[in-house]
Protein backbone atom coordinates (compact mmCIF):
# COMPACT_ATOMS: atom_id res chain seq x y z
CA UNK A 1 110.26 219.96 72.54
CA UNK A 2 107.64 217.55 71.26
CA UNK A 3 104.01 217.77 72.35
CA UNK A 4 102.45 214.62 73.76
CA UNK A 5 99.01 213.17 74.40
CA UNK A 6 97.64 210.04 76.00
CA UNK A 7 94.89 207.86 74.60
CA UNK A 8 91.82 208.13 76.83
CA UNK A 9 90.88 204.59 75.81
CA UNK A 10 92.93 201.78 77.28
CA UNK A 11 94.39 199.03 75.13
CA UNK A 12 93.22 195.44 75.65
CA UNK A 13 95.87 195.01 78.36
CA UNK A 14 94.58 198.04 80.29
CA UNK A 15 97.41 200.44 79.37
CA UNK A 16 96.91 203.93 77.97
CA UNK A 17 99.41 204.75 75.22
CA UNK A 18 101.37 208.00 75.25
CA UNK A 19 102.05 209.50 71.82
CA UNK A 20 104.16 212.27 70.36
CA UNK A 21 101.71 214.39 68.31
CA UNK A 22 103.70 213.60 65.15
CA UNK A 23 102.97 209.84 65.53
CA UNK A 24 101.32 208.02 62.63
CA UNK A 25 99.31 205.97 65.14
CA UNK A 26 97.55 208.75 67.04
CA UNK A 27 94.12 208.02 68.48
CA UNK A 28 91.18 210.01 67.12
CA UNK A 29 91.16 213.62 68.35
CA UNK A 30 88.25 213.03 70.73
CA UNK A 31 90.19 210.20 72.40
CA UNK A 32 93.32 212.26 73.14
CA UNK A 33 94.15 213.92 76.45
CA UNK A 34 96.84 216.58 75.90
CA UNK A 35 99.86 216.23 78.17
CA UNK A 36 102.01 219.18 77.11
CA UNK A 37 105.56 219.55 75.83
CA UNK A 38 108.37 217.42 77.20
CA UNK A 39 112.00 216.94 76.21
CA UNK A 40 111.58 213.15 76.39
CA UNK A 41 108.75 210.64 76.50
CA UNK A 42 109.61 209.86 80.13
CA UNK A 43 108.19 213.17 81.35
CA UNK A 44 105.07 212.65 79.24
CA UNK A 45 104.48 209.16 80.65
CA UNK A 46 104.94 210.47 84.19
CA UNK A 47 102.32 213.15 83.49
CA UNK A 48 99.93 210.60 81.94
CA UNK A 49 100.23 208.36 85.00
CA UNK A 50 98.69 211.14 87.12
CA UNK A 51 95.39 210.38 85.33
CA UNK A 52 95.98 206.86 84.06
CA UNK A 53 98.37 204.94 86.36
CA UNK A 54 98.75 202.25 83.72
CA UNK A 55 100.34 204.37 80.98
CA UNK A 56 103.11 203.38 78.60
CA UNK A 57 104.87 204.88 75.59
CA UNK A 58 103.81 204.04 72.06
CA UNK A 59 106.21 201.53 70.55
CA UNK A 60 106.32 203.56 67.31
CA UNK A 61 106.88 207.16 68.46
CA UNK A 62 108.08 206.67 72.06
CA UNK A 63 110.00 203.37 72.02
CA UNK A 64 112.25 204.43 74.92
CA UNK A 65 109.11 204.47 77.11
CA UNK A 66 107.47 201.34 75.72
CA UNK A 67 107.95 198.79 78.48
CA UNK A 68 105.41 196.08 77.76
């Protein structure tokens, strides 16, 4: 199962991106909040929303969860 993190810094539209740790577009290490291992990005986004209600999947590594 992939490990995921969420960017602590929101994008310009206010959303925090959820990334698989193998993503080429990861935020800097100090800007990542670890989320844990999930079988799909959907579980990772659900976990991220507990801290950042406006969370969304990265369009590159989690396109199934990229909704905006």
